[in-house]
Amino acid sequence: MSGVVAPMTGVDPHRKSRDMIPSSDIREILKGIEALAPVIDALHEDDDLFERGLSSFDSVQLMLALEDRFDIEFPDHLLNRRSFSTIRLIRDTVASIKTARAA
């Protein structure tokens, strides 16, 4: 997805959908995960959440909270560790699901 540029415009066609998903919304959901709550404000967009304490059980809870908050459903091919590994990847994954649904 990244690096895709709309012909003749020089604009990333996925940027708008990514911008629709505020990182603050993702952080608010992550605050509900006990292991991440104490460090959430210090996390950078690309910090590995699993290295900071996110467990596989937590990632399932995270997925359910994201589905509820953004009214989406994660397709099977996105149910992997990478999709939930950083705030940036979570935001981009949610945006891609919303974009695909809108198309």
C-alpha atoms as a PDB file:
ATOM      1  CA  MET A   1       0.000   0.000   0.000  1.00  0.00           C
ATOM      2  CA  SER A   2       2.640   2.543   0.924  1.00  0.00           C
ATOM      3  CA  GLY A   3       4.432   4.098  -1.975  1.00  0.00           C
ATOM      4  CA  VAL A   4       1.354   3.903  -4.202  1.00  0.00           C
ATOM      5  CA  VAL A   5       0.899   7.195  -5.987  1.00  0.00           C
ATOM      6  CA  ALA A   6      -2.147   8.260  -7.944  1.00  0.00           C
ATOM      7  CA  PRO A   7      -1.289   8.830 -11.597  1.00  0.00           C
ATOM      8  CA  MET A   8      -0.428  12.413 -12.518  1.00  0.00           C
ATOM      9  CA  THR A   9      -1.221  13.825  -9.065  1.00  0.00           C
ATOM     10  CA  GLY A  10       1.729  12.710  -6.938  1.00  0.00           C
ATOM     11  CA  VAL A  11      -0.735  12.075  -4.085  1.00  0.00           C
ATOM     12  CA  ASP A  12      -0.918   8.871  -2.058  1.00  0.00           C
ATOM     13  CA  PRO A  13      -4.545   7.718  -2.609  1.00  0.00           C
ATOM     14  CA  HIS A  14      -4.603   5.976   0.794  1.00  0.00           C
ATOM     15  CA  ARG A  15      -3.533   9.018   2.790  1.00  0.00           C
ATOM     16  CA  LYS A  16      -7.056  10.344   3.296  1.00  0.00           C
ATOM     17  CA  SER A  17      -8.316   7.076   4.751  1.00  0.00           C
ATOM     18  CA  ARG A  18      -5.296   6.849   7.106  1.00  0.00           C
ATOM     19  CA  ASP A  19      -5.910  10.410   8.230  1.00  0.00           C
ATOM     20  CA  MET A  20      -9.514   9.502   9.107  1.00  0.00           C
ATOM     21  CA  ILE A  21      -8.286   7.161  11.859  1.00  0.00           C
ATOM     22  CA  PRO A  22      -6.764   9.314  14.609  1.00  0.00           C
ATOM     23  CA  SER A  23      -3.906   7.750  16.545  1.00  0.00           C
ATOM     24  CA  SER A  24      -5.568   9.155  19.661  1.00  0.00           C
ATOM     25  CA  ASP A  25      -8.499   6.777  19.106  1.00  0.00           C
ATOM     26  CA  ILE A  26      -6.105   3.827  18.853  1.00  0.00           C
ATOM     27  CA  ARG A  27      -4.283   4.973  22.000  1.00  0.00           C
ATOM     28  CA  GLU A  28      -7.569   5.264  23.888  1.00  0.00           C
ATOM     29  CA  ILE A  29      -8.376   1.653  23.061  1.00  0.00           C
ATOM     30  CA  LEU A  30      -4.849   0.558  24.018  1.00  0.00           C
ATOM     31  CA  LYS A  31      -5.255   2.209  27.428  1.00  0.00           C
ATOM     32  CA  GLY A  32      -7.820  -0.493  28.177  1.00  0.00           C
ATOM     33  CA  ILE A  33      -5.125  -3.161  27.921  1.00  0.00           C
ATOM     34  CA  GLU A  34      -3.622  -3.599  31.356  1.00  0.00           C
ATOM     35  CA  ALA A  35      -0.083  -4.367  30.140  1.00  0.00           C
ATOM     36  CA  LEU A  36       0.050  -1.229  27.973  1.00  0.00           C
ATOM     37  CA  ALA A  37      -1.886   1.241  30.116  1.00  0.00           C
ATOM     38  CA  PRO A  38       1.161   2.423  32.123  1.00  0.00           C
ATOM     39  CA  VAL A  39       3.285   3.059  29.013  1.00  0.00           C
ATOM     40  CA  ILE A  40       0.746   4.137  26.399  1.00  0.00           C
ATOM     41  CA  ASP A  41       1.557   7.846  26.604  1.00  0.00           C
ATOM     42  CA  ALA A  42       5.263   7.135  26.052  1.00  0.00           C
ATOM     43  CA  LEU A  43       4.738   4.879  23.026  1.00  0.00           C
ATOM     44  CA  HIS A  44       5.792   6.089  19.604  1.00  0.00           C
ATOM     45  CA  GLU A  45       3.823   5.256  16.469  1.00  0.00           C
ATOM     46  CA  ASP A  46       6.280   2.511  15.484  1.00  0.00           C
ATOM     47  CA  ASP A  47       7.054   0.955  18.892  1.00  0.00           C
ATOM     48  CA  ASP A  48       6.420  -2.795  18.909  1.00  0.00           C
ATOM     49  CA  LEU A  49       3.421  -3.346  21.174  1.00  0.00           C
ATOM     50  CA  PHE A  50       4.293  -6.998  21.708  1.00  0.00           C
ATOM     51  CA  GLU A  51       7.725  -6.015  22.993  1.00  0.00           C
ATOM     52  CA  ARG A  52       5.976  -3.605  25.375  1.00  0.00           C
ATOM     53  CA  GLY A  53       3.750  -6.320  26.842  1.00  0.00           C
ATOM     54  CA  LEU A  54       0.863  -6.993  24.440  1.00  0.00           C
ATOM     55  CA  SER A  55      -0.020 -10.704  24.610  1.00  0.00           C
ATOM     56  CA  SER A  56      -1.862 -12.793  22.037  1.00  0.00           C
ATOM     57  CA  PHE A  57      -4.931 -12.718  24.296  1.00  0.00           C
ATOM     58  CA  ASP A  58      -4.623  -8.909  24.482  1.00  0.00           C
ATOM     59  CA  SER A  59      -4.427  -8.728  20.686  1.00  0.00           C
ATOM     60  CA  VAL A  60      -7.763 -10.552  20.413  1.00  0.00           C
ATOM     61  CA  GLN A  61      -9.294  -8.100  22.883  1.00  0.00           C
ATOM     62  CA  LEU A  62      -7.741  -5.256  20.884  1.00  0.00           C
ATOM     63  CA  MET A  63      -9.198  -6.602  17.641  1.00  0.00           C
ATOM     64  CA  LEU A  64     -12.676  -6.818  19.176  1.00  0.00           C
ATOM     65  CA  ALA A  65     -12.420  -3.275  20.566  1.00  0.00           C
ATOM     66  CA  LEU A  66     -11.267  -1.944  17.182  1.00  0.00           C
ATOM     67  CA  GLU A  67     -14.119  -3.711  15.403  1.00  0.00           C
ATOM     68  CA  ASP A  68     -16.597  -2.220  17.844  1.00  0.00           C
ATOM     69  CA  ARG A  69     -15.134   1.307  17.789  1.00  0.00           C
ATOM     70  CA  PHE A  70     -14.734   1.591  14.011  1.00  0.00           C
ATOM     71  CA  ASP A  71     -17.668  -0.626  12.955  1.00  0.00           C
ATOM     72  CA  ILE A  72     -15.446  -2.976  10.957  1.00  0.00           C
ATOM     73  CA  GLU A  73     -14.676  -6.681  10.764  1.00  0.00           C
ATOM     74  CA  PHE A  74     -11.121  -7.922  10.342  1.00  0.00           C
ATOM     75  CA  PRO A  75     -10.832 -10.302   7.383  1.00  0.00           C
ATOM     76  CA  ASP A  76      -8.959 -13.540   7.999  1.00  0.00           C
ATOM     77  CA  HIS A  77      -5.889 -12.441   6.029  1.00  0.00           C
ATOM     78  CA  LEU A  78      -5.334  -9.533   8.462  1.00  0.00           C
ATOM     79  CA  LEU A  79      -5.619 -11.644  11.600  1.00  0.00           C
ATOM     80  CA  ASN A  80      -1.895 -11.778  12.216  1.00  0.00           C
ATOM     81  CA  ARG A  81       0.645 -10.396  14.649  1.00  0.00           C
ATOM     82  CA  ARG A  82       1.862  -7.726  12.226  1.00  0.00           C
ATOM     83  CA  SER A  83      -1.576  -6.066  11.935  1.00  0.00           C
ATOM     84  CA  PHE A  84      -1.545  -5.324  15.672  1.00  0.00           C
ATOM     85  CA  SER A  85       2.174  -4.759  16.253  1.00  0.00           C
ATOM     86  CA  THR A  86       2.366  -0.941  16.222  1.00  0.00           C
ATOM     87  CA  ILE A  87       0.019   2.009  16.507  1.00  0.00           C
ATOM     88  CA  ARG A  88       0.849   3.005  12.927  1.00  0.00           C
ATOM     89  CA  LEU A  89       0.113  -0.484  11.561  1.00  0.00           C
ATOM     90  CA  ILE A  90      -3.122  -0.704  13.533  1.00  0.00           C
ATOM     91  CA  ARG A  91      -4.228   2.662  12.144  1.00  0.00           C
ATOM     92  CA  ASP A  92      -3.258   1.692   8.588  1.00  0.00           C
ATOM     93  CA  THR A  93      -4.948  -1.705   8.883  1.00  0.00           C
ATOM     94  CA  VAL A  94      -8.196  -0.191  10.174  1.00  0.00           C
ATOM     95  CA  ALA A  95      -8.063   2.444   7.426  1.00  0.00           C
ATOM     96  CA  SER A  96      -7.533  -0.208   4.746  1.00  0.00           C
ATOM     97  CA  ILE A  97     -10.544  -2.181   5.988  1.00  0.00           C
ATOM     98  CA  LYS A  98     -12.723   0.942   5.993  1.00  0.00           C
ATOM     99  CA  THR A  99     -11.494   1.897   2.516  1.00  0.00           C
ATOM    100  CA  ALA A 100     -12.154  -1.590   1.129  1.00  0.00           C
ATOM    101  CA  ARG A 101     -15.638  -1.591   2.632  1.00  0.00           C
ATOM    102  CA  ALA A 102     -16.424   1.829   1.136  1.00  0.00           C
ATOM    103  CA  ALA A 103     -15.316   0.782  -2.339  1.00  0.00           C
END
